[in-house]
Each structure stands twice: as C-alpha cells, then as structure tokens.
C-alpha cells in the first residue's frame, strides 16, 4: 500500500538521516528556523524543491501550490483564505528572507489546463480554473502572439511567462517591494526542465530564460531593476521572434 511506503520511509529517516544529523534538529528545535530563501513551487509530485536544490532542513522556506502561482496583493485584506499570500508574508516579514525564488517547471498540469481552457480534461473541476486564472492574461497573450506554434511550445511559453507574472505579482505586496527597493531582498524567476534535468533562469537583460551553468546568475529583480524588465509580455515578444530556448 502507498501509505506503508510513507511509514517505511519515515522509519528509514528516523534511523538514518535524523540520527546522523541529530545536532541539526536539536539546533532547529532550540533556535527556530532562519532560512534565507523563500521558494514558491508547484505542488507537482515530480518536482520536489528540497530534492531539486539538495537543501537541508531549515535552509528553505517553501510554499507549494498548483502551478507555482503568486496571486496579486489585495488591499485591504479581506476575510477569504489567502494561503500563498500568508506564507509569503511570514517568510518576508517574520523570517526576513533575502531571496524569493519562483520555480516553474516543464509539463505542468496546472498550466496545461489553463492553456487548454474549456477543452481541458479538468474543465469541470470546482477550483482549478479560478486558481489558474491568476495567469489568464499571460496565457491569452502567448496564444495570441505565438500563432501556429505546436501546443507543447505554447504550454512551455505559458509556463515561463507565468513565472514572470508571479514575480510581478510579488512586487504588488508593499512590504516586499520596500525590501527589494532597499536592497535587502532579491527576486528570482526559475524554470526547471525535468526531462533533461536542467534549470533555466530569467535574464532580464536578454528578456528570456537561459540555462543555468555553475552557481552564479543574474537576479530577475533587485534594487534598481525596472519592473518592466520582468514583465511577461517582454518574454513573449522575445519568443515571438525566435525559436524557443527549451
């Protein structure tokens, strides 16, 4: 049974990793968490941020949802349920993270359902369409400006444009934008191609996602960066004139 796999895994963790790193867990229990990075990732079971980045407990504050979406800030806050926004606020205001990474990925089912719209096999689901509508604008722009491209190329372009849309939505949270402008917070737009095991990061100077090689990269947004440099339409304009870099 699948549940037995989890229980066996926990037992292996307790006897192995936990026993080997007990000092780490004692420190985390005593001192609390102090991660420097918030990662907004997809709930997709194939893309585990901790495994992909090989981080240890306490190093990465993670919020996962369908398609790694960040909704725009809502002011004044209402009484609805804002799980992703609450996690972002806690990471930025309470934990004082220094980096926020939005990590999209190839073959994202949530984005594909958005691309397919009423033709999606998930079209009659109760909540999926209203959630992925966060990226409806970029989906429509990609479809309109990349006519004739194969469906897989369209989907991947929307995946990447959606990551940029989430970065621009991050800047709508005033307390987050203040920290970016002050130089204490940096934003990153990443896209993971699971079929080839490659990571791509958005380069605002080039207006496109480029494969990451090594351990240095240019942030998508930092102090002094114009918001226009990471707007999704800039990526779409770049893709419209060139073959996709994926």
C-alpha atoms as a PDB file:
ATOM      1  CA  UNK A   1       0.000   0.000   0.000  1.00  0.00           C
ATOM      2  CA  UNK A   2       1.233   3.560  -0.720  1.00  0.00           C
ATOM      3  CA  UNK A   3       0.818   4.560   2.936  1.00  0.00           C
ATOM      4  CA  UNK A   4       3.150   1.786   4.028  1.00  0.00           C
ATOM      5  CA  UNK A   5       5.778   3.291   1.713  1.00  0.00           C
ATOM      6  CA  UNK A   6       5.498   6.547   3.654  1.00  0.00           C
ATOM      7  CA  UNK A   7       5.754   4.848   7.032  1.00  0.00           C
ATOM      8  CA  UNK A   8       8.749   2.823   5.928  1.00  0.00           C
ATOM      9  CA  UNK A   9      10.315   5.995   4.604  1.00  0.00           C
ATOM     10  CA  UNK A  10       9.776   7.745   7.920  1.00  0.00           C
ATOM     11  CA  UNK A  11      11.310   4.840   9.787  1.00  0.00           C
ATOM     12  CA  UNK A  12      14.338   4.936   7.491  1.00  0.00           C
ATOM     13  CA  UNK A  13      14.571   8.708   8.015  1.00  0.00           C
ATOM     14  CA  UNK A  14      14.407   8.392  11.800  1.00  0.00           C
ATOM     15  CA  UNK A  15      17.034   5.669  11.979  1.00  0.00           C
ATOM     16  CA  UNK A  16      19.223   7.174   9.245  1.00  0.00           C
ATOM     17  CA  UNK A  17      19.151  10.882   8.414  1.00  0.00           C
ATOM     18  CA  UNK A  18      17.670  12.052  11.715  1.00  0.00           C
ATOM     19  CA  UNK A  19      20.128  10.001  13.778  1.00  0.00           C
ATOM     20  CA  UNK A  20      23.061  11.223  11.682  1.00  0.00           C
ATOM     21  CA  UNK A  21      22.001  14.879  11.904  1.00  0.00           C
ATOM     22  CA  UNK A  22      20.513  14.973  15.384  1.00  0.00           C
ATOM     23  CA  UNK A  23      22.597  18.017  16.267  1.00  0.00           C
ATOM     24  CA  UNK A  24      20.972  19.892  13.368  1.00  0.00           C
ATOM     25  CA  UNK A  25      17.458  19.055  14.546  1.00  0.00           C
ATOM     26  CA  UNK A  26      18.348  19.939  18.126  1.00  0.00           C
ATOM     27  CA  UNK A  27      19.594  23.335  16.962  1.00  0.00           C
ATOM     28  CA  UNK A  28      16.499  23.927  14.825  1.00  0.00           C
ATOM     29  CA  UNK A  29      14.268  22.956  17.754  1.00  0.00           C
ATOM     30  CA  UNK A  30      16.160  25.216  20.134  1.00  0.00           C
ATOM     31  CA  UNK A  31      16.826  28.248  17.940  1.00  0.00           C
ATOM     32  CA  UNK A  32      13.932  28.059  15.479  1.00  0.00           C
ATOM     33  CA  UNK A  33      14.130  28.476  11.722  1.00  0.00           C
ATOM     34  CA  UNK A  34      16.122  31.170   9.940  1.00  0.00           C
ATOM     35  CA  UNK A  35      16.016  30.360   6.215  1.00  0.00           C
ATOM     36  CA  UNK A  36      17.435  32.917   3.803  1.00  0.00           C
ATOM     37  CA  UNK A  37      15.347  31.777   0.848  1.00  0.00           C
ATOM     38  CA  UNK A  38      11.625  31.538   0.156  1.00  0.00           C
ATOM     39  CA  UNK A  39      10.767  29.258  -2.750  1.00  0.00           C
ATOM     40  CA  UNK A  40       7.338  29.313  -4.371  1.00  0.00           C
ATOM     41  CA  UNK A  41       6.989  25.994  -6.162  1.00  0.00           C
ATOM     42  CA  UNK A  42       4.425  23.748  -7.782  1.00  0.00           C
ATOM     43  CA  UNK A  43       2.559  21.029  -5.922  1.00  0.00           C
ATOM     44  CA  UNK A  44       3.510  18.575  -8.692  1.00  0.00           C
ATOM     45  CA  UNK A  45       4.788  15.369  -7.070  1.00  0.00           C
ATOM     46  CA  UNK A  46       7.622  15.142  -9.600  1.00  0.00           C
ATOM     47  CA  UNK A  47       9.260  18.450  -8.655  1.00  0.00           C
ATOM     48  CA  UNK A  48      10.280  18.453  -5.001  1.00  0.00           C
ATOM     49  CA  UNK A  49      12.154  21.709  -4.231  1.00  0.00           C
ATOM     50  CA  UNK A  50      14.214  20.158  -1.448  1.00  0.00           C
ATOM     51  CA  UNK A  51      15.406  17.336  -3.697  1.00  0.00           C
ATOM     52  CA  UNK A  52      15.955  19.533  -6.753  1.00  0.00           C
ATOM     53  CA  UNK A  53      18.056  22.019  -4.760  1.00  0.00           C
ATOM     54  CA  UNK A  54      19.588  19.457  -2.369  1.00  0.00           C
ATOM     55  CA  UNK A  55      18.911  21.649   0.659  1.00  0.00           C
ATOM     56  CA  UNK A  56      18.909  20.611   4.308  1.00  0.00           C
ATOM     57  CA  UNK A  57      16.121  21.139   6.849  1.00  0.00           C
ATOM     58  CA  UNK A  58      15.928  24.787   7.859  1.00  0.00           C
ATOM     59  CA  UNK A  59      17.537  26.179   4.704  1.00  0.00           C
ATOM     60  CA  UNK A  60      14.484  26.662   2.502  1.00  0.00           C
ATOM     61  CA  UNK A  61      11.075  28.094   3.366  1.00  0.00           C
ATOM     62  CA  UNK A  62       8.707  26.600   0.804  1.00  0.00           C
ATOM     63  CA  UNK A  63       5.143  27.250  -0.291  1.00  0.00           C
ATOM     64  CA  UNK A  64       3.736  24.937  -2.957  1.00  0.00           C
ATOM     65  CA  UNK A  65       0.515  25.266  -4.897  1.00  0.00           C
ATOM     66  CA  UNK A  66      -0.871  24.351  -8.301  1.00  0.00           C
ATOM     67  CA  UNK A  67       1.425  25.819 -10.992  1.00  0.00           C
ATOM     68  CA  UNK A  68       3.636  27.790  -8.559  1.00  0.00           C
ATOM     69  CA  UNK A  69       1.384  30.840  -8.802  1.00  0.00           C
ATOM     70  CA  UNK A  70       1.594  34.045  -6.777  1.00  0.00           C
ATOM     71  CA  UNK A  71      -1.689  35.974  -6.662  1.00  0.00           C
ATOM     72  CA  UNK A  72      -1.601  39.775  -6.705  1.00  0.00           C
ATOM     73  CA  UNK A  73      -1.793  41.500  -3.344  1.00  0.00           C
ATOM     74  CA  UNK A  74      -5.250  42.537  -2.189  1.00  0.00           C
ATOM     75  CA  UNK A  75      -5.632  45.711  -0.141  1.00  0.00           C
ATOM     76  CA  UNK A  76      -7.275  45.998   2.221  1.00  0.00           C
ATOM     77  CA  UNK A  77      -7.028  42.274   3.059  1.00  0.00           C
ATOM     78  CA  UNK A  78     -10.376  40.533   3.078  1.00  0.00           C
ATOM     79  CA  UNK A  79     -11.620  37.542   5.071  1.00  0.00           C
ATOM     80  CA  UNK A  80     -11.039  34.991   2.336  1.00  0.00           C
ATOM     81  CA  UNK A  81      -8.373  32.302   2.540  1.00  0.00           C
ATOM     82  CA  UNK A  82      -5.006  33.546   1.258  1.00  0.00           C
ATOM     83  CA  UNK A  83      -2.653  30.644   1.949  1.00  0.00           C
ATOM     84  CA  UNK A  84       0.081  31.569  -0.531  1.00  0.00           C
ATOM     85  CA  UNK A  85      -0.007  35.250   0.381  1.00  0.00           C
ATOM     86  CA  UNK A  86       0.170  34.387   4.091  1.00  0.00           C
ATOM     87  CA  UNK A  87       3.215  32.174   3.547  1.00  0.00           C
ATOM     88  CA  UNK A  88       4.945  34.905   1.532  1.00  0.00           C
ATOM     89  CA  UNK A  89       4.184  37.473   4.216  1.00  0.00           C
ATOM     90  CA  UNK A  90       5.508  35.246   7.002  1.00  0.00           C
ATOM     91  CA  UNK A  91       8.713  34.498   5.089  1.00  0.00           C
ATOM     92  CA  UNK A  92       9.371  38.146   4.254  1.00  0.00           C
ATOM     93  CA  UNK A  93       8.136  39.975   7.345  1.00  0.00           C
ATOM     94  CA  UNK A  94       8.734  37.439  10.111  1.00  0.00           C
ATOM     95  CA  UNK A  95      11.718  35.462   8.850  1.00  0.00           C
ATOM     96  CA  UNK A  96      13.398  38.200   6.843  1.00  0.00           C
ATOM     97  CA  UNK A  97      14.368  36.045   3.867  1.00  0.00           C
ATOM     98  CA  UNK A  98      16.892  37.574   1.496  1.00  0.00           C
ATOM     99  CA  UNK A  99      15.788  35.823  -1.695  1.00  0.00           C
ATOM    100  CA  UNK A 100      12.467  34.772  -3.187  1.00  0.00           C
ATOM    101  CA  UNK A 101      12.545  32.174  -5.956  1.00  0.00           C
ATOM    102  CA  UNK A 102       9.525  31.359  -8.122  1.00  0.00           C
ATOM    103  CA  UNK A 103      10.145  27.899  -9.577  1.00  0.00           C
ATOM    104  CA  UNK A 104       8.006  26.808 -12.512  1.00  0.00           C
ATOM    105  CA  UNK A 105       8.587  23.607 -14.424  1.00  0.00           C
ATOM    106  CA  UNK A 106       8.067  21.734 -17.665  1.00  0.00           C
ATOM    107  CA  UNK A 107       4.977  19.588 -18.218  1.00  0.00           C
ATOM    108  CA  UNK A 108       2.999  21.478 -15.576  1.00  0.00           C
ATOM    109  CA  UNK A 109      -0.534  20.094 -15.452  1.00  0.00           C
ATOM    110  CA  UNK A 110      -1.973  23.248 -13.930  1.00  0.00           C
ATOM    111  CA  UNK A 111      -0.593  25.433 -16.695  1.00  0.00           C
ATOM    112  CA  UNK A 112      -1.671  22.954 -19.356  1.00  0.00           C
ATOM    113  CA  UNK A 113      -5.225  23.053 -18.001  1.00  0.00           C
ATOM    114  CA  UNK A 114      -5.111  26.837 -18.276  1.00  0.00           C
ATOM    115  CA  UNK A 115      -3.816  26.656 -21.850  1.00  0.00           C
ATOM    116  CA  UNK A 116      -6.466  24.133 -22.896  1.00  0.00           C
ATOM    117  CA  UNK A 117      -9.303  26.079 -21.238  1.00  0.00           C
ATOM    118  CA  UNK A 118     -12.718  24.558 -21.895  1.00  0.00           C
ATOM    119  CA  UNK A 119     -11.042  21.716 -23.778  1.00  0.00           C
ATOM    120  CA  UNK A 120      -9.090  20.656 -20.702  1.00  0.00           C
ATOM    121  CA  UNK A 121      -9.907  17.285 -19.163  1.00  0.00           C
ATOM    122  CA  UNK A 122     -10.112  19.190 -15.868  1.00  0.00           C
ATOM    123  CA  UNK A 123     -12.536  21.833 -17.131  1.00  0.00           C
ATOM    124  CA  UNK A 124     -15.340  20.742 -14.801  1.00  0.00           C
ATOM    125  CA  UNK A 125     -13.222  20.834 -11.623  1.00  0.00           C
ATOM    126  CA  UNK A 126     -14.524  23.111  -8.880  1.00  0.00           C
ATOM    127  CA  UNK A 127     -11.442  25.160  -8.014  1.00  0.00           C
ATOM    128  CA  UNK A 128      -8.721  24.661 -10.613  1.00  0.00           C
ATOM    129  CA  UNK A 129      -9.853  27.187 -13.225  1.00  0.00           C
ATOM    130  CA  UNK A 130     -10.418  30.011 -10.749  1.00  0.00           C
ATOM    131  CA  UNK A 131      -6.941  29.469  -9.271  1.00  0.00           C
ATOM    132  CA  UNK A 132      -5.027  29.220 -12.551  1.00  0.00           C
ATOM    133  CA  UNK A 133      -6.897  32.315 -13.797  1.00  0.00           C
ATOM    134  CA  UNK A 134      -4.162  34.226 -11.941  1.00  0.00           C
ATOM    135  CA  UNK A 135      -2.150  33.661 -15.131  1.00  0.00           C
ATOM    136  CA  UNK A 136      -5.044  34.010 -17.583  1.00  0.00           C
ATOM    137  CA  UNK A 137      -3.711  37.258 -19.016  1.00  0.00           C
ATOM    138  CA  UNK A 138      -0.307  35.840 -19.919  1.00  0.00           C
ATOM    139  CA  UNK A 139      -1.909  32.694 -21.306  1.00  0.00           C
ATOM    140  CA  UNK A 140      -4.066  34.761 -23.642  1.00  0.00           C
ATOM    141  CA  UNK A 141      -1.119  36.871 -24.744  1.00  0.00           C
ATOM    142  CA  UNK A 142       1.047  33.852 -25.547  1.00  0.00           C
ATOM    143  CA  UNK A 143      -1.729  32.191 -27.547  1.00  0.00           C
ATOM    144  CA  UNK A 144      -2.375  35.412 -29.467  1.00  0.00           C
ATOM    145  CA  UNK A 145       1.258  36.283 -30.205  1.00  0.00           C
ATOM    146  CA  UNK A 146       2.650  32.817 -30.938  1.00  0.00           C
ATOM    147  CA  UNK A 147       0.160  31.591 -33.545  1.00  0.00           C
ATOM    148  CA  UNK A 148       0.960  28.368 -35.314  1.00  0.00           C
ATOM    149  CA  UNK A 149       3.394  27.123 -32.692  1.00  0.00           C
ATOM    150  CA  UNK A 150       2.977  23.495 -31.541  1.00  0.00           C
ATOM    151  CA  UNK A 151       0.865  23.003 -28.435  1.00  0.00           C
ATOM    152  CA  UNK A 152       3.863  21.906 -26.367  1.00  0.00           C
ATOM    153  CA  UNK A 153       5.751  25.098 -27.242  1.00  0.00           C
ATOM    154  CA  UNK A 154       2.731  27.187 -26.303  1.00  0.00           C
ATOM    155  CA  UNK A 155       2.446  25.398 -22.972  1.00  0.00           C
ATOM    156  CA  UNK A 156       6.116  25.901 -22.168  1.00  0.00           C
ATOM    157  CA  UNK A 157       5.956  29.557 -23.110  1.00  0.00           C
ATOM    158  CA  UNK A 158       2.988  29.997 -20.778  1.00  0.00           C
ATOM    159  CA  UNK A 159       4.863  28.133 -18.027  1.00  0.00           C
ATOM    160  CA  UNK A 160       7.723  30.595 -18.256  1.00  0.00           C
ATOM    161  CA  UNK A 161       5.545  33.680 -18.716  1.00  0.00           C
ATOM    162  CA  UNK A 162       3.529  32.613 -15.675  1.00  0.00           C
ATOM    163  CA  UNK A 163       6.701  32.582 -13.562  1.00  0.00           C
ATOM    164  CA  UNK A 164       7.342  36.188 -14.572  1.00  0.00           C
ATOM    165  CA  UNK A 165       3.735  37.060 -13.862  1.00  0.00           C
ATOM    166  CA  UNK A 166       4.204  35.710 -10.346  1.00  0.00           C
ATOM    167  CA  UNK A 167       7.355  37.815  -9.889  1.00  0.00           C
ATOM    168  CA  UNK A 168       5.499  40.966 -10.907  1.00  0.00           C
ATOM    169  CA  UNK A 169       2.674  39.990  -8.552  1.00  0.00           C
ATOM    170  CA  UNK A 170       5.220  39.673  -5.746  1.00  0.00           C
ATOM    171  CA  UNK A 171       6.057  43.330  -6.263  1.00  0.00           C
ATOM    172  CA  UNK A 172       2.428  44.239  -5.572  1.00  0.00           C
ATOM    173  CA  UNK A 173       2.946  43.374  -1.883  1.00  0.00           C
ATOM    174  CA  UNK A 174       4.079  46.723  -0.473  1.00  0.00           C
ATOM    175  CA  UNK A 175       6.233  45.320   2.340  1.00  0.00           C
ATOM    176  CA  UNK A 176       8.000  43.056  -0.164  1.00  0.00           C
ATOM    177  CA  UNK A 177       8.557  45.798  -2.732  1.00  0.00           C
ATOM    178  CA  UNK A 178      10.001  48.044   0.001  1.00  0.00           C
ATOM    179  CA  UNK A 179      12.631  45.428   0.782  1.00  0.00           C
ATOM    180  CA  UNK A 180      13.534  44.958  -2.873  1.00  0.00           C
ATOM    181  CA  UNK A 181      13.934  48.711  -3.282  1.00  0.00           C
ATOM    182  CA  UNK A 182      16.050  48.846  -0.107  1.00  0.00           C
ATOM    183  CA  UNK A 183      18.367  46.151  -1.452  1.00  0.00           C
ATOM    184  CA  UNK A 184      17.619  43.604   1.275  1.00  0.00           C
ATOM    185  CA  UNK A 185      15.562  41.252  -0.902  1.00  0.00           C
ATOM    186  CA  UNK A 186      16.200  39.819  -4.371  1.00  0.00           C
ATOM    187  CA  UNK A 187      13.692  38.039  -6.623  1.00  0.00           C
ATOM    188  CA  UNK A 188      14.438  35.164  -8.998  1.00  0.00           C
ATOM    189  CA  UNK A 189      12.434  33.553 -11.816  1.00  0.00           C
ATOM    190  CA  UNK A 190      13.373  29.926 -12.469  1.00  0.00           C
ATOM    191  CA  UNK A 191      12.013  27.168 -14.698  1.00  0.00           C
ATOM    192  CA  UNK A 192      13.019  23.516 -14.333  1.00  0.00           C
ATOM    193  CA  UNK A 193      13.054  21.133 -17.290  1.00  0.00           C
ATOM    194  CA  UNK A 194      12.617  17.757 -15.598  1.00  0.00           C
ATOM    195  CA  UNK A 195      13.082  15.752 -18.787  1.00  0.00           C
ATOM    196  CA  UNK A 196      16.663  16.930 -19.196  1.00  0.00           C
ATOM    197  CA  UNK A 197      17.456  17.865 -15.585  1.00  0.00           C
ATOM    198  CA  UNK A 198      18.254  21.473 -16.485  1.00  0.00           C
ATOM    199  CA  UNK A 199      17.486  24.707 -14.669  1.00  0.00           C
ATOM    200  CA  UNK A 200      16.676  27.911 -16.535  1.00  0.00           C
ATOM    201  CA  UNK A 201      16.665  31.395 -15.008  1.00  0.00           C
ATOM    202  CA  UNK A 202      15.184  34.553 -16.456  1.00  0.00           C
ATOM    203  CA  UNK A 203      17.823  37.003 -17.628  1.00  0.00           C
ATOM    204  CA  UNK A 204      16.267  40.492 -17.665  1.00  0.00           C
ATOM    205  CA  UNK A 205      18.996  41.803 -19.957  1.00  0.00           C
ATOM    206  CA  UNK A 206      18.194  39.202 -22.620  1.00  0.00           C
ATOM    207  CA  UNK A 207      14.466  39.054 -21.980  1.00  0.00           C
ATOM    208  CA  UNK A 208      14.462  35.271 -21.918  1.00  0.00           C
ATOM    209  CA  UNK A 209      15.157  32.203 -19.771  1.00  0.00           C
ATOM    210  CA  UNK A 210      18.712  30.916 -20.111  1.00  0.00           C
ATOM    211  CA  UNK A 211      20.136  27.641 -18.863  1.00  0.00           C
ATOM    212  CA  UNK A 212      21.953  27.959 -15.560  1.00  0.00           C
ATOM    213  CA  UNK A 213      25.536  26.753 -15.697  1.00  0.00           C
ATOM    214  CA  UNK A 214      27.508  26.909 -12.492  1.00  0.00           C
ATOM    215  CA  UNK A 215      26.458  28.678  -9.315  1.00  0.00           C
ATOM    216  CA  UNK A 216      26.204  32.332 -10.405  1.00  0.00           C
ATOM    217  CA  UNK A 217      23.260  34.018 -12.116  1.00  0.00           C
ATOM    218  CA  UNK A 218      21.641  37.407 -12.635  1.00  0.00           C
ATOM    219  CA  UNK A 219      18.541  38.024 -10.460  1.00  0.00           C
ATOM    220  CA  UNK A 220      15.250  38.740 -12.161  1.00  0.00           C
ATOM    221  CA  UNK A 221      14.565  41.679  -9.832  1.00  0.00           C
ATOM    222  CA  UNK A 222      16.768  43.559  -7.377  1.00  0.00           C
ATOM    223  CA  UNK A 223      17.261  47.101  -6.159  1.00  0.00           C
ATOM    224  CA  UNK A 224      17.291  49.426  -9.149  1.00  0.00           C
ATOM    225  CA  UNK A 225      15.779  46.925 -11.580  1.00  0.00           C
ATOM    226  CA  UNK A 226      12.875  48.333 -13.598  1.00  0.00           C
ATOM    227  CA  UNK A 227       9.712  46.310 -13.187  1.00  0.00           C
ATOM    228  CA  UNK A 228       9.289  46.418 -16.953  1.00  0.00           C
ATOM    229  CA  UNK A 229      12.360  44.181 -17.305  1.00  0.00           C
ATOM    230  CA  UNK A 230      10.472  41.189 -15.916  1.00  0.00           C
ATOM    231  CA  UNK A 231       7.031  41.757 -17.365  1.00  0.00           C
ATOM    232  CA  UNK A 232       5.716  38.627 -19.133  1.00  0.00           C
ATOM    233  CA  UNK A 233       4.974  40.497 -22.349  1.00  0.00           C
ATOM    234  CA  UNK A 234       8.680  41.144 -22.823  1.00  0.00           C
ATOM    235  CA  UNK A 235       9.338  37.405 -22.766  1.00  0.00           C
ATOM    236  CA  UNK A 236       6.504  36.792 -25.220  1.00  0.00           C
ATOM    237  CA  UNK A 237       7.889  39.418 -27.595  1.00  0.00           C
ATOM    238  CA  UNK A 238      11.268  37.691 -27.440  1.00  0.00           C
ATOM    239  CA  UNK A 239       9.795  34.240 -28.060  1.00  0.00           C
ATOM    240  CA  UNK A 240       7.684  35.533 -30.944  1.00  0.00           C
ATOM    241  CA  UNK A 241      10.772  36.319 -32.972  1.00  0.00           C
ATOM    242  CA  UNK A 242      12.989  33.380 -32.040  1.00  0.00           C
ATOM    243  CA  UNK A 243      12.828  29.615 -31.624  1.00  0.00           C
ATOM    244  CA  UNK A 244      12.162  28.674 -28.005  1.00  0.00           C
ATOM    245  CA  UNK A 245      15.249  28.111 -25.832  1.00  0.00           C
ATOM    246  CA  UNK A 246      13.951  24.873 -24.317  1.00  0.00           C
END
